[in-house]
Amino acid sequence: MAADYATDFYGWATETARKLRSGRLAEVNLDQVAEEIESLGKSEQQQLSNRLIILLAHMLKWEFQPSRRKSSWQGTIKEQRMRIHLLLRKNPSLQPLVEETITEAYSLAVIMASNETRIVEEDFPRACPYSRTEILPPQ
């Protein structure tokens, strides 16, 4: 019995992979395969956004709460920068999206930083105060 895309994704995926490997292309729903490939690309872009949100939030916390600085914040900043660099190295076509993603991620980073510091959102800059080089220094 064929696995259904909507009700048994794992079964559908493994069955479709077998069909592709054995050259049985006529049995494969190409629209579903294309949808999943697009989804994989979007997940890489979402990972970039999520990592930038965490990085920017910690940069804001570091700058706006100097009396409460923790080494773990520095560690998180370093880790997120490294993970973003690795992500961009493995997905170079994400490079042109970095500036736009920083802009989009910043507002969520402000919310995160505000929640974690109890500094009101309005006390943070409205636009990201950091340049791309400050956010992601060259390695």
Foldseek 3Di string as FASTA:
>chain_A
DQDDCVPCVVSNVVVLVVCVVVVVVVPDDVVSVVVVVVVVVVVLVVLLLVLLLLLLLLVCCCVVPVVPDDVVSVVSLVVSLVVNVVSCVVPVVCVVVNVVSNFVSNLSSLVVNCVVPVDDSVVDDPTRPDDPCRSHPDD
